Protein backbone atom coordinates (compact mmCIF):
# COMPACT_ATOMS: atom_id res chain seq x y z
CA MET A 1 66.01 93.71 105.76
CA GLU A 2 69.46 93.62 107.41
CA THR A 3 71.22 93.45 104.07
CA ALA A 4 69.41 96.44 102.72
CA LYS A 5 70.31 98.32 106.01
CA THR A 6 73.96 97.37 105.64
CA ALA A 7 74.00 98.43 101.91
CA ARG A 8 72.61 101.87 102.89
CA SER A 9 75.12 102.23 105.71
CA GLU A 10 77.99 101.38 103.13
CA LEU A 11 76.54 103.88 100.60
CA THR A 12 76.38 106.53 103.27
CA GLN A 13 80.08 105.81 104.39
CA SER A 14 81.19 105.94 100.97
CA ALA A 15 79.30 109.46 100.39
CA ILE A 16 81.08 110.74 103.49
CA VAL A 17 84.47 109.70 102.33
CA ASP A 18 83.79 111.25 98.87
CA VAL A 19 82.75 114.51 100.16
CA ALA A 20 85.80 114.68 102.67
CA LEU A 21 88.17 113.61 99.89
CA GLU A 22 86.84 116.59 97.73
CA MET A 23 87.19 118.87 100.76
CA ALA A 24 90.76 117.71 101.27
CA ARG A 25 91.63 118.26 97.65
CA THR A 26 90.46 121.76 97.58
CA ASP A 27 91.33 122.92 101.27
CA GLY A 28 93.66 120.21 102.59
CA LEU A 29 93.44 117.60 105.14
CA GLU A 30 93.32 120.02 108.03
CA SER A 31 90.08 121.36 106.73
CA LEU A 32 88.19 118.23 107.49
CA SER A 33 85.73 118.19 110.27
CA VAL A 34 83.01 115.63 111.09
CA GLY A 35 80.56 118.54 111.46
CA GLU A 36 81.39 120.24 108.06
CA VAL A 37 80.92 116.80 106.33
CA ALA A 38 77.64 116.17 107.96
CA LYS A 39 76.49 119.76 106.95
CA ARG A 40 77.28 119.07 103.39
CA LEU A 41 75.65 115.70 103.20
CA ASN A 42 72.65 116.89 105.32
CA LEU A 43 73.39 114.25 107.94
CA SER A 44 73.64 114.59 111.77
CA LYS A 45 77.20 114.80 113.31
CA SER A 46 76.40 111.56 115.30
CA GLY A 47 75.33 109.90 111.97
CA VAL A 48 78.79 110.68 110.50
CA PHE A 49 80.63 109.83 113.68
CA SER A 50 78.93 106.47 113.85
CA ARG A 51 80.11 105.41 110.45
CA ILE A 52 83.62 107.19 110.41
CA GLY A 53 84.59 107.81 113.95
CA SER A 54 86.86 110.74 114.89
CA ARG A 55 88.31 113.54 112.78
CA GLU A 56 91.62 111.68 112.56
CA ALA A 57 89.86 108.63 111.50
CA LEU A 58 87.99 110.68 108.65
CA GLN A 59 91.38 112.04 107.59
CA CYS A 60 92.88 108.49 107.50
CA ALA A 61 89.95 107.25 105.36
CA VAL A 62 90.47 110.17 102.99
CA ILE A 63 94.17 109.21 102.59
CA ASP A 64 93.14 105.58 102.07
CA ALA A 65 90.50 106.69 99.44
CA PHE A 66 93.00 108.91 97.78
CA GLU A 67 95.49 106.08 97.47
CA LYS A 68 92.94 103.71 95.86
CA THR A 69 91.91 106.37 93.38
CA PHE A 70 95.61 106.98 92.62
CA GLN A 71 96.25 103.41 92.05
CA HIS A 72 93.06 103.10 89.80
CA GLU A 73 93.88 106.32 87.73
CA VAL A 74 97.68 106.13 87.58
CA LEU A 75 99.24 102.82 88.40
CA LEU A 76 96.77 100.11 87.03
CA PRO A 77 96.52 101.75 83.45
CA ALA A 78 100.33 101.90 83.44
CA LEU A 79 100.84 98.30 84.07
CA ARG A 80 99.18 97.31 80.81
CA GLU A 81 102.17 98.96 79.09
CA PRO A 82 105.39 97.01 78.27
CA ARG A 83 107.99 97.10 81.18
CA GLY A 84 110.63 99.99 81.01
CA LEU A 85 110.25 103.28 79.63
CA PRO A 86 106.73 102.73 78.03
CA ARG A 87 105.41 101.81 81.50
CA LEU A 88 107.09 104.75 83.02
CA ASN A 89 105.86 107.22 80.41
CA ALA A 90 102.23 105.93 81.13
CA MET A 91 102.74 106.51 84.83
CA VAL A 92 103.86 109.94 84.38
CA LYS A 93 101.24 110.91 81.75
CA GLY A 94 98.48 109.44 84.21
CA TRP A 95 100.00 111.43 87.13
CA LEU A 96 100.19 114.69 85.03
CA ALA A 97 96.54 114.21 83.64
CA ARG A 98 95.32 113.65 87.24
CA VAL A 99 97.19 116.80 88.71
CA GLY A 100 96.90 118.96 85.66
CA GLY A 101 93.17 118.65 85.09
CA PRO A 102 90.62 121.40 86.16
CA ASN A 103 90.24 119.77 89.68
CA GLY A 104 93.80 118.62 89.87
CA SER A 105 95.58 118.00 93.19
CA CYS A 106 97.70 115.36 94.87
CA LEU A 107 97.54 114.63 98.55
CA TYR A 108 100.99 112.96 98.23
CA VAL A 109 102.34 116.53 97.63
CA SER A 110 100.09 118.80 99.39
CA GLY A 111 99.37 116.53 102.42
CA ALA A 112 103.25 116.18 102.91
CA PHE A 113 103.57 120.00 103.35
CA GLU A 114 100.70 119.91 105.83
CA LEU A 115 101.94 117.16 107.83
CA ASP A 116 105.63 117.53 107.52
CA ASP A 117 106.24 118.67 111.03
CA ARG A 118 103.63 116.50 112.77
CA GLU A 119 103.95 112.99 114.31
CA GLY A 120 101.19 110.32 114.45
CA GLU A 121 99.06 108.08 112.48
CA LEU A 122 97.95 110.51 109.78
CA ARG A 123 101.63 111.44 108.84
CA ASP A 124 102.57 107.82 108.95
CA ARG A 125 99.78 106.72 106.80
CA LEU A 126 100.41 109.53 104.13
CA LEU A 127 104.21 108.70 104.40
CA GLU A 128 103.62 104.88 103.60
CA GLY A 129 101.76 105.99 100.51
CA VAL A 130 104.36 108.23 99.17
CA ARG A 131 107.09 105.49 99.91
CA ARG A 132 104.87 102.97 98.06
CA TRP A 133 104.56 105.28 95.04
CA ARG A 134 108.41 105.98 95.16
CA ALA A 135 109.09 102.25 95.46
CA THR A 136 106.83 101.78 92.31
CA LEU A 137 108.81 104.35 90.42
CA HIS A 138 112.01 102.80 91.56
CA ARG A 139 110.88 99.32 90.49
CA THR A 140 109.82 100.52 87.01
CA LEU A 141 113.21 102.40 86.50
CA ILE A 142 115.00 99.19 87.39
CA GLN A 143 113.03 97.36 84.69
CA ALA A 144 113.81 100.17 82.15
CA ARG A 145 117.54 99.90 83.01
CA GLU A 146 117.41 96.10 82.73
CA ALA A 147 115.54 96.50 79.24
CA GLY A 148 118.20 98.66 78.07
CA HIS A 149 116.30 101.82 77.98
CA LEU A 150 118.54 103.58 80.61
CA GLN A 151 122.16 103.82 81.04
CA PRO A 152 123.60 100.85 82.90
CA ASP A 153 125.11 103.26 85.63
CA ALA A 154 122.04 105.51 85.80
CA ASP A 155 121.62 106.97 89.37
CA LEU A 156 117.95 105.87 89.85
CA ASP A 157 117.82 107.38 93.25
CA GLN A 158 118.89 110.82 91.66
CA LEU A 159 116.26 110.39 88.92
CA ILE A 160 113.40 109.71 91.49
CA PHE A 161 114.46 112.80 93.25
CA GLU A 162 114.22 114.79 90.15
CA LEU A 163 110.81 113.31 89.24
CA ASP A 164 109.57 114.02 92.60
CA GLY A 165 110.69 117.61 92.28
CA LEU A 166 108.91 117.93 88.94
CA PHE A 167 105.69 116.47 90.43
CA THR A 168 105.85 119.02 93.31
CA ALA A 169 106.46 121.83 90.87
CA LEU A 170 103.56 120.81 88.84
CA VAL A 171 101.11 121.06 91.88
CA ARG A 172 102.34 124.55 92.66
CA GLU A 173 102.06 125.66 89.00
CA VAL A 174 98.40 124.35 88.66
CA ARG A 175 97.00 125.06 92.20
CA PHE A 176 98.83 128.20 93.21
CA LEU A 177 100.11 129.96 90.05
CA ARG A 178 97.24 128.58 87.93
CA ASN A 179 99.55 128.21 84.98
CA PRO A 180 97.46 126.75 81.91
CA ASP A 181 100.69 125.68 80.29
CA ALA A 182 101.88 123.91 83.44
CA THR A 183 101.06 120.25 82.19
CA ALA A 184 102.69 120.70 78.87
CA ARG A 185 105.76 122.18 80.50
CA ALA A 186 106.01 119.25 82.97
CA TRP A 187 105.89 116.70 80.19
CA ALA A 188 108.59 118.62 78.36
CA SER A 189 110.75 118.66 81.35
CA PHE A 190 110.12 114.89 81.94
CA GLU A 191 111.19 114.16 78.35
CA ARG A 192 114.44 116.19 78.71
CA LEU A 193 115.06 114.62 81.98
CA ILE A 194 114.68 111.05 80.63
CA ARG A 195 116.84 111.92 77.56
CA HIS A 196 119.65 112.56 80.08
CA TYR A 197 119.46 109.08 81.39
CA GLN A 198 118.68 107.05 78.44
CA ALA A 199 121.16 104.62 77.01
């Protein structure tokens, strides 16, 4: 009996985070509220609060859920590719597919603009995720350089800066400008950028 109750509670908590993640995707992290999530799930506010906690705890849970999904959809599939440019290409394709789809968004981009002038746990948690993503890109680029795919003196920090600018531009093109050609243009920009750094 206790096991069934625990399973129901975990299922409800998962549903709460899923709904909150969708809200953050469409309206931003600041749109989240315990009351609105409860309303959408037809639960009481106290029921949501007992499983998640405060609004900030809900926002942190959403960032954690976003990162897990990001790893599952972007990073893990890329790790099946050979080290170097094949793996980098797979990462970028995964990221473009995720952002360029009909429900595309990226909390690493949109959340950074929301929280750029704030201090606290929420900003710190998102910043850690962004730094992990950039560290993964950096490690992948080092491997590409070691494999002879990139120039020996390639400025990897500059390349990451330019890739990050490309990712940010794509989110704006997709979400704000609603440009149907955005993903194709982003991939073309990526290919041109990599050609500049290739050995």
